[in-house]
Amino acid sequence: MTLPLPLRNRLADLILESLHDAGARKGLEALAAVCARPAALAGALWPDAFPADLFEYGPDGLRVKSGWRQYEAELAERAVRARRALEGRP
């Protein structure tokens, strides 16, 4: 499934920033964690680079905003793949 431009561009920007910015990499890691487990950031401080504007609170934690819920699995898959690709990067 193709992500809508706002989701795709936001993720692409975060991935590109993660290539050379450890803070952006933490934001990408948080994004992948929340996509896998909505309560992953419960009670924790969010990294500055975490794209909080793409999420809303649900009963289980953070979820992709309702207008984009149908793309949640695709966003999660791409975020996790990008995080894996950048693991161990200095």
C-alpha atoms as a PDB file:
ATOM      1  CA  MET A   1       0.000   0.000   0.000  1.00  0.00           C
ATOM      2  CA  THR A   2       1.266   3.463  -0.815  1.00  0.00           C
ATOM      3  CA  LEU A   3       1.471   5.913   2.061  1.00  0.00           C
ATOM      4  CA  PRO A   4      -0.203   9.289   1.571  1.00  0.00           C
ATOM      5  CA  LEU A   5       2.283  12.089   0.908  1.00  0.00           C
ATOM      6  CA  PRO A   6       2.141  13.666   4.398  1.00  0.00           C
ATOM      7  CA  LEU A   7       3.026  10.343   6.056  1.00  0.00           C
ATOM      8  CA  ARG A   8       5.562   9.310   3.447  1.00  0.00           C
ATOM      9  CA  ASN A   9       7.328  12.660   3.388  1.00  0.00           C
ATOM     10  CA  ARG A  10       7.447  12.954   7.162  1.00  0.00           C
ATOM     11  CA  LEU A  11       8.926   9.470   7.483  1.00  0.00           C
ATOM     12  CA  ALA A  12      11.394  10.083   4.648  1.00  0.00           C
ATOM     13  CA  ASP A  13      12.569  13.328   6.255  1.00  0.00           C
ATOM     14  CA  LEU A  14      13.054  11.580   9.588  1.00  0.00           C
ATOM     15  CA  ILE A  15      15.005   8.755   7.946  1.00  0.00           C
ATOM     16  CA  LEU A  16      17.270  11.154   6.076  1.00  0.00           C
ATOM     17  CA  GLU A  17      17.907  13.192   9.212  1.00  0.00           C
ATOM     18  CA  SER A  18      18.672   9.947  11.060  1.00  0.00           C
ATOM     19  CA  LEU A  19      21.609   9.279   8.763  1.00  0.00           C
ATOM     20  CA  HIS A  20      23.618  12.012  10.454  1.00  0.00           C
ATOM     21  CA  ASP A  21      21.686  13.067  13.567  1.00  0.00           C
ATOM     22  CA  ALA A  22      21.470  10.880  16.661  1.00  0.00           C
ATOM     23  CA  GLY A  23      18.441  12.838  17.925  1.00  0.00           C
ATOM     24  CA  ALA A  24      16.535  12.107  14.737  1.00  0.00           C
ATOM     25  CA  ARG A  25      17.553   8.462  15.066  1.00  0.00           C
ATOM     26  CA  LYS A  26      15.998   8.398  18.546  1.00  0.00           C
ATOM     27  CA  GLY A  27      12.826   9.861  17.034  1.00  0.00           C
ATOM     28  CA  LEU A  28      12.799   7.118  14.406  1.00  0.00           C
ATOM     29  CA  GLU A  29      13.368   4.469  17.079  1.00  0.00           C
ATOM     30  CA  ALA A  30      10.462   5.884  19.104  1.00  0.00           C
ATOM     31  CA  LEU A  31       8.257   5.916  16.006  1.00  0.00           C
ATOM     32  CA  ALA A  32       9.043   2.261  15.297  1.00  0.00           C
ATOM     33  CA  ALA A  33       8.428   1.367  18.954  1.00  0.00           C
ATOM     34  CA  VAL A  34       5.053   3.122  19.099  1.00  0.00           C
ATOM     35  CA  CYS A  35       3.959   1.568  15.813  1.00  0.00           C
ATOM     36  CA  ALA A  36       4.778  -1.866  17.230  1.00  0.00           C
ATOM     37  CA  ARG A  37       3.328  -1.187  20.680  1.00  0.00           C
ATOM     38  CA  PRO A  38       1.109   1.889  21.190  1.00  0.00           C
ATOM     39  CA  ALA A  39       1.990   2.138  24.900  1.00  0.00           C
ATOM     40  CA  ALA A  40       5.747   2.113  24.228  1.00  0.00           C
ATOM     41  CA  LEU A  41       6.194   5.769  25.206  1.00  0.00           C
ATOM     42  CA  ALA A  42       3.770   5.764  28.130  1.00  0.00           C
ATOM     43  CA  GLY A  43       5.256   7.802  30.947  1.00  0.00           C
ATOM     44  CA  ALA A  44       8.435   8.491  28.980  1.00  0.00           C
ATOM     45  CA  LEU A  45       9.725  11.697  27.494  1.00  0.00           C
ATOM     46  CA  TRP A  46       9.357  11.711  23.747  1.00  0.00           C
ATOM     47  CA  PRO A  47      12.453  12.439  21.706  1.00  0.00           C
ATOM     48  CA  ASP A  48      12.294  15.889  20.106  1.00  0.00           C
ATOM     49  CA  ALA A  49      12.299  14.349  16.629  1.00  0.00           C
ATOM     50  CA  PHE A  50       9.322  12.042  17.329  1.00  0.00           C
ATOM     51  CA  PRO A  51       6.541  12.985  14.866  1.00  0.00           C
ATOM     52  CA  ALA A  52       3.882  13.481  17.557  1.00  0.00           C
ATOM     53  CA  ASP A  53       1.648  15.415  15.164  1.00  0.00           C
ATOM     54  CA  LEU A  54       0.926  12.162  13.311  1.00  0.00           C
ATOM     55  CA  PHE A  55      -0.486  10.506  16.434  1.00  0.00           C
ATOM     56  CA  GLU A  56      -3.372  10.802  18.850  1.00  0.00           C
ATOM     57  CA  TYR A  57      -4.052   9.164  22.176  1.00  0.00           C
ATOM     58  CA  GLY A  58      -6.202   6.063  22.185  1.00  0.00           C
ATOM     59  CA  PRO A  59      -7.218   3.687  24.964  1.00  0.00           C
ATOM     60  CA  ASP A  60      -4.026   1.645  24.461  1.00  0.00           C
ATOM     61  CA  GLY A  61      -1.617   4.551  23.955  1.00  0.00           C
ATOM     62  CA  LEU A  62      -0.528   6.464  20.876  1.00  0.00           C
ATOM     63  CA  ARG A  63      -2.108   5.537  17.559  1.00  0.00           C
ATOM     64  CA  VAL A  64      -1.790   7.019  14.096  1.00  0.00           C
ATOM     65  CA  LYS A  65      -4.443   9.714  13.711  1.00  0.00           C
ATOM     66  CA  SER A  66      -7.811   8.311  12.732  1.00  0.00           C
ATOM     67  CA  GLY A  67      -7.717   9.795   9.229  1.00  0.00           C
ATOM     68  CA  TRP A  68      -4.614   7.745   8.479  1.00  0.00           C
ATOM     69  CA  ARG A  69      -5.409   4.630  10.507  1.00  0.00           C
ATOM     70  CA  GLN A  70      -5.671   2.484   7.370  1.00  0.00           C
ATOM     71  CA  TYR A  71      -1.977   3.161   6.710  1.00  0.00           C
ATOM     72  CA  GLU A  72      -0.817   2.318  10.219  1.00  0.00           C
ATOM     73  CA  ALA A  73       0.609  -1.102   9.335  1.00  0.00           C
ATOM     74  CA  GLU A  74       2.517   0.229   6.336  1.00  0.00           C
ATOM     75  CA  LEU A  75       3.934   3.138   8.344  1.00  0.00           C
ATOM     76  CA  ALA A  76       4.980   0.700  11.063  1.00  0.00           C
ATOM     77  CA  GLU A  77       6.677  -1.642   8.612  1.00  0.00           C
ATOM     78  CA  ARG A  78       8.628   1.163   6.955  1.00  0.00           C
ATOM     79  CA  ALA A  79       9.661   2.699  10.269  1.00  0.00           C
ATOM     80  CA  VAL A  80      10.886  -0.652  11.606  1.00  0.00           C
ATOM     81  CA  ARG A  81      12.822  -1.392   8.394  1.00  0.00           C
ATOM     82  CA  ALA A  82      14.461   2.032   8.498  1.00  0.00           C
ATOM     83  CA  ARG A  83      15.360   1.630  12.174  1.00  0.00           C
ATOM     84  CA  ARG A  84      16.972  -1.728  11.440  1.00  0.00           C
ATOM     85  CA  ALA A  85      18.897  -0.287   8.509  1.00  0.00           C
ATOM     86  CA  LEU A  86      20.347   2.430  10.740  1.00  0.00           C
ATOM     87  CA  GLU A  87      21.172   0.220  13.740  1.00  0.00           C
ATOM     88  CA  GLY A  88      24.753   0.585  14.835  1.00  0.00           C
ATOM     89  CA  ARG A  89      25.340   3.645  12.713  1.00  0.00           C
ATOM     90  CA  PRO A  90      27.830   5.993  14.381  1.00  0.00           C
END
